[in-house]
Amino acid sequence: MWSLLLMALAGLLIGGCYTFYQQKAPRWIPISFAFLAVVSLLAAYLFTLSG
C-alpha cells in the first residue's frame, strides 16, 4: 500500500518538475522536485522489498 502511495507521489513530483521547468522557474526548483521524486521511488522500491 505504501509503495503505491509513494509511486503516486513521485508521479506528482515529476509533473511539478516538468511544469516548473517549462515556466522557466529558477533552476533549483525543478532539480529539487526531481530529487524528491527519485527519493520517493527509492523508498517505494525499498518498501516493496521488505513487504
PDB file of N, CA and C in Angstrom:
ATOM      1  N   MET A   1       0.822  -1.194   0.000  1.00  0.00           N
ATOM      2  CA  MET A   1       0.000   0.000   0.000  1.00  0.00           C
ATOM      3  C   MET A   1       0.871   1.265   0.000  1.00  0.00           C
ATOM      4  N   TRP A   2       1.867   1.304   0.909  1.00  0.00           N
ATOM      5  CA  TRP A   2       2.726   2.483   0.975  1.00  0.00           C
ATOM      6  C   TRP A   2       3.514   2.673  -0.301  1.00  0.00           C
ATOM      7  N   SER A   3       3.895   1.563  -0.921  1.00  0.00           N
ATOM      8  CA  SER A   3       4.690   1.697  -2.147  1.00  0.00           C
ATOM      9  C   SER A   3       3.863   2.348  -3.257  1.00  0.00           C
ATOM     10  N   LEU A   4       2.583   2.022  -3.328  1.00  0.00           N
ATOM     11  CA  LEU A   4       1.726   2.653  -4.339  1.00  0.00           C
ATOM     12  C   LEU A   4       1.554   4.143  -4.081  1.00  0.00           C
ATOM     13  N   LEU A   5       1.399   4.504  -2.827  1.00  0.00           N
ATOM     14  CA  LEU A   5       1.263   5.922  -2.498  1.00  0.00           C
ATOM     15  C   LEU A   5       2.550   6.690  -2.798  1.00  0.00           C
ATOM     16  N   LEU A   6       3.685   6.075  -2.528  1.00  0.00           N
ATOM     17  CA  LEU A   6       4.952   6.738  -2.816  1.00  0.00           C
ATOM     18  C   LEU A   6       5.191   6.860  -4.316  1.00  0.00           C
ATOM     19  N   MET A   7       4.759   5.854  -5.088  1.00  0.00           N
ATOM     20  CA  MET A   7       4.879   5.953  -6.546  1.00  0.00           C
ATOM     21  C   MET A   7       3.967   7.049  -7.098  1.00  0.00           C
ATOM     22  N   ALA A   8       2.777   7.183  -6.530  1.00  0.00           N
ATOM     23  CA  ALA A   8       1.878   8.254  -6.955  1.00  0.00           C
ATOM     24  C   ALA A   8       2.470   9.622  -6.604  1.00  0.00           C
ATOM     25  N   LEU A   9       3.067   9.723  -5.436  1.00  0.00           N
ATOM     26  CA  LEU A   9       3.734  10.971  -5.046  1.00  0.00           C
ATOM     27  C   LEU A   9       4.875  11.297  -6.000  1.00  0.00           C
ATOM     28  N   ALA A  10       5.627  10.291  -6.395  1.00  0.00           N
ATOM     29  CA  ALA A  10       6.720  10.513  -7.341  1.00  0.00           C
ATOM     30  C   ALA A  10       6.175  11.019  -8.678  1.00  0.00           C
ATOM     31  N   GLY A  11       5.056  10.491  -9.117  1.00  0.00           N
ATOM     32  CA  GLY A  11       4.445  10.966 -10.352  1.00  0.00           C
ATOM     33  C   GLY A  11       4.028  12.422 -10.267  1.00  0.00           C
ATOM     34  N   LEU A  12       3.451  12.802  -9.140  1.00  0.00           N
ATOM     35  CA  LEU A  12       3.076  14.202  -8.954  1.00  0.00           C
ATOM     36  C   LEU A  12       4.304  15.111  -8.916  1.00  0.00           C
ATOM     37  N   LEU A  13       5.350  14.647  -8.280  1.00  0.00           N
ATOM     38  CA  LEU A  13       6.572  15.448  -8.208  1.00  0.00           C
ATOM     39  C   LEU A  13       7.226  15.595  -9.578  1.00  0.00           C
ATOM     40  N   ILE A  14       7.199  14.547 -10.382  1.00  0.00           N
ATOM     41  CA  ILE A  14       7.758  14.643 -11.733  1.00  0.00           C
ATOM     42  C   ILE A  14       6.929  15.611 -12.571  1.00  0.00           C
ATOM     43  N   GLY A  15       5.627  15.581 -12.411  1.00  0.00           N
ATOM     44  CA  GLY A  15       4.776  16.545 -13.107  1.00  0.00           C
ATOM     45  C   GLY A  15       5.068  17.971 -12.678  1.00  0.00           C
ATOM     46  N   GLY A  16       5.286  18.179 -11.386  1.00  0.00           N
ATOM     47  CA  GLY A  16       5.649  19.507 -10.899  1.00  0.00           C
ATOM     48  C   GLY A  16       7.000  19.950 -11.420  1.00  0.00           C
ATOM     49  N   CYS A  17       7.923  19.019 -11.497  1.00  0.00           N
ATOM     50  CA  CYS A  17       9.251  19.325 -12.037  1.00  0.00           C
ATOM     51  C   CYS A  17       9.138  19.788 -13.486  1.00  0.00           C
ATOM     52  N   TYR A  18       8.375  19.080 -14.270  1.00  0.00           N
ATOM     53  CA  TYR A  18       8.205  19.430 -15.681  1.00  0.00           C
ATOM     54  C   TYR A  18       7.506  20.782 -15.835  1.00  0.00           C
ATOM     55  N   THR A  19       6.504  21.030 -15.004  1.00  0.00           N
ATOM     56  CA  THR A  19       5.773  22.286 -15.071  1.00  0.00           C
ATOM     57  C   THR A  19       6.662  23.475 -14.713  1.00  0.00           C
ATOM     58  N   PHE A  20       7.402  23.350 -13.635  1.00  0.00           N
ATOM     59  CA  PHE A  20       8.297  24.439 -13.240  1.00  0.00           C
ATOM     60  C   PHE A  20       9.402  24.652 -14.264  1.00  0.00           C
ATOM     61  N   TYR A  21       9.851  23.567 -14.895  1.00  0.00           N
ATOM     62  CA  TYR A  21      10.880  23.703 -15.928  1.00  0.00           C
ATOM     63  C   TYR A  21      10.353  24.486 -17.127  1.00  0.00           C
ATOM     64  N   GLN A  22       9.106  24.220 -17.508  1.00  0.00           N
ATOM     65  CA  GLN A  22       8.521  24.923 -18.647  1.00  0.00           C
ATOM     66  C   GLN A  22       8.224  26.384 -18.325  1.00  0.00           C
ATOM     67  N   GLN A  23       7.982  26.689 -17.068  1.00  0.00           N
ATOM     68  CA  GLN A  23       7.698  28.064 -16.673  1.00  0.00           C
ATOM     69  C   GLN A  23       8.967  28.872 -16.432  1.00  0.00           C
ATOM     70  N   LYS A  24      10.114  28.286 -16.710  1.00  0.00           N
ATOM     71  CA  LYS A  24      11.411  28.956 -16.542  1.00  0.00           C
ATOM     72  C   LYS A  24      11.637  29.412 -15.100  1.00  0.00           C
ATOM     73  N   ALA A  25      11.243  28.549 -14.162  1.00  0.00           N
ATOM     74  CA  ALA A  25      11.481  28.833 -12.748  1.00  0.00           C
ATOM     75  C   ALA A  25      12.988  28.741 -12.474  1.00  0.00           C
ATOM     76  N   PRO A  26      13.437  29.265 -11.334  1.00  0.00           N
ATOM     77  CA  PRO A  26      14.860  29.098 -11.003  1.00  0.00           C
ATOM     78  C   PRO A  26      15.257  27.623 -11.035  1.00  0.00           C
ATOM     79  N   ARG A  27      16.478  27.368 -11.462  1.00  0.00           N
ATOM     80  CA  ARG A  27      16.931  26.006 -11.758  1.00  0.00           C
ATOM     81  C   ARG A  27      16.821  25.069 -10.556  1.00  0.00           C
ATOM     82  N   TRP A  28      16.950  25.595  -9.336  1.00  0.00           N
ATOM     83  CA  TRP A  28      16.961  24.725  -8.170  1.00  0.00           C
ATOM     84  C   TRP A  28      15.586  24.135  -7.864  1.00  0.00           C
ATOM     85  N   ILE A  29      14.521  24.769  -8.329  1.00  0.00           N
ATOM     86  CA  ILE A  29      13.179  24.254  -8.026  1.00  0.00           C
ATOM     87  C   ILE A  29      12.896  22.946  -8.774  1.00  0.00           C
ATOM     88  N   PRO A  30      13.050  22.883 -10.109  1.00  0.00           N
ATOM     89  CA  PRO A  30      12.821  21.588 -10.766  1.00  0.00           C
ATOM     90  C   PRO A  30      13.816  20.512 -10.334  1.00  0.00           C
ATOM     91  N   ILE A  31      15.046  20.920 -10.023  1.00  0.00           N
ATOM     92  CA  ILE A  31      16.030  19.933  -9.569  1.00  0.00           C
ATOM     93  C   ILE A  31      15.610  19.349  -8.224  1.00  0.00           C
ATOM     94  N   SER A  32      15.103  20.191  -7.340  1.00  0.00           N
ATOM     95  CA  SER A  32      14.669  19.676  -6.035  1.00  0.00           C
ATOM     96  C   SER A  32      13.442  18.774  -6.179  1.00  0.00           C
ATOM     97  N   PHE A  33      12.522  19.109  -7.087  1.00  0.00           N
ATOM     98  CA  PHE A  33      11.365  18.253  -7.316  1.00  0.00           C
ATOM     99  C   PHE A  33      11.804  16.904  -7.887  1.00  0.00           C
ATOM    100  N   ALA A  34      12.754  16.928  -8.803  1.00  0.00           N
ATOM    101  CA  ALA A  34      13.250  15.675  -9.388  1.00  0.00           C
ATOM    102  C   ALA A  34      13.958  14.834  -8.328  1.00  0.00           C
ATOM    103  N   PHE A  35      14.734  15.479  -7.472  1.00  0.00           N
ATOM    104  CA  PHE A  35      15.416  14.753  -6.397  1.00  0.00           C
ATOM    105  C   PHE A  35      14.410  14.100  -5.454  1.00  0.00           C
ATOM    106  N   LEU A  36      13.374  14.838  -5.073  1.00  0.00           N
ATOM    107  CA  LEU A  36      12.358  14.268  -4.186  1.00  0.00           C
ATOM    108  C   LEU A  36      11.601  13.127  -4.858  1.00  0.00           C
ATOM    109  N   ALA A  37      11.392  13.216  -6.174  1.00  0.00           N
ATOM    110  CA  ALA A  37      10.736  12.127  -6.894  1.00  0.00           C
ATOM    111  C   ALA A  37      11.600  10.870  -6.890  1.00  0.00           C
ATOM    112  N   VAL A  38      12.899  11.046  -7.082  1.00  0.00           N
ATOM    113  CA  VAL A  38      13.802   9.890  -7.062  1.00  0.00           C
ATOM    114  C   VAL A  38      13.837   9.261  -5.670  1.00  0.00           C
ATOM    115  N   VAL A  39      13.866  10.085  -4.637  1.00  0.00           N
ATOM    116  CA  VAL A  39      13.863   9.567  -3.267  1.00  0.00           C
ATOM    117  C   VAL A  39      12.552   8.829  -2.989  1.00  0.00           C
ATOM    118  N   SER A  40      11.457   9.345  -3.480  1.00  0.00           N
ATOM    119  CA  SER A  40      10.163   8.684  -3.290  1.00  0.00           C
ATOM    120  C   SER A  40      10.120   7.338  -4.000  1.00  0.00           C
ATOM    121  N   LEU A  41      10.644   7.273  -5.222  1.00  0.00           N
ATOM    122  CA  LEU A  41      10.688   5.991  -5.931  1.00  0.00           C
ATOM    123  C   LEU A  41      11.613   4.998  -5.237  1.00  0.00           C
ATOM    124  N   LEU A  42      12.720   5.467  -4.703  1.00  0.00           N
ATOM    125  CA  LEU A  42      13.623   4.599  -3.978  1.00  0.00           C
ATOM    126  C   LEU A  42      12.945   4.056  -2.724  1.00  0.00           C
ATOM    127  N   ALA A  43      12.224   4.898  -2.009  1.00  0.00           N
ATOM    128  CA  ALA A  43      11.507   4.445  -0.819  1.00  0.00           C
ATOM    129  C   ALA A  43      10.421   3.429  -1.190  1.00  0.00           C
ATOM    130  N   ALA A  44       9.729   3.656  -2.300  1.00  0.00           N
ATOM    131  CA  ALA A  44       8.713   2.703  -2.746  1.00  0.00           C
ATOM    132  C   ALA A  44       9.346   1.358  -3.064  1.00  0.00           C
ATOM    133  N   TYR A  45      10.501   1.387  -3.712  1.00  0.00           N
ATOM    134  CA  TYR A  45      11.198   0.146  -4.038  1.00  0.00           C
ATOM    135  C   TYR A  45      11.618  -0.592  -2.764  1.00  0.00           C
ATOM    136  N   LEU A  46      12.123   0.150  -1.792  1.00  0.00           N
ATOM    137  CA  LEU A  46      12.546  -0.492  -0.544  1.00  0.00           C
ATOM    138  C   LEU A  46      11.352  -1.053   0.234  1.00  0.00           C
ATOM    139  N   PHE A  47      10.224  -0.365   0.207  1.00  0.00           N
ATOM    140  CA  PHE A  47       9.018  -0.902   0.824  1.00  0.00           C
ATOM    141  C   PHE A  47       8.562  -2.180   0.133  1.00  0.00           C
ATOM    142  N   THR A  48       8.733  -2.233  -1.185  1.00  0.00           N
ATOM    143  CA  THR A  48       8.346  -3.431  -1.928  1.00  0.00           C
ATOM    144  C   THR A  48       9.233  -4.608  -1.552  1.00  0.00           C
ATOM    145  N   LEU A  49      10.521  -4.366  -1.362  1.00  0.00           N
ATOM    146  CA  LEU A  49      11.424  -5.453  -0.967  1.00  0.00           C
ATOM    147  C   LEU A  49      11.134  -5.977   0.421  1.00  0.00           C
ATOM    148  N   SER A  50      10.773  -5.083   1.334  1.00  0.00           N
ATOM    149  CA  SER A  50      10.556  -5.510   2.717  1.00  0.00           C
ATOM    150  C   SER A  50       9.197  -6.172   2.911  1.00  0.00           C
ATOM    151  N   GLY A  51       8.250  -5.880   2.001  1.00  0.00           N
ATOM    152  CA  GLY A  51       6.878  -6.356   2.168  1.00  0.00           C
ATOM    153  C   GLY A  51       6.725  -7.804   1.939  1.00  0.00           C
TER     154      GLY A  51
END
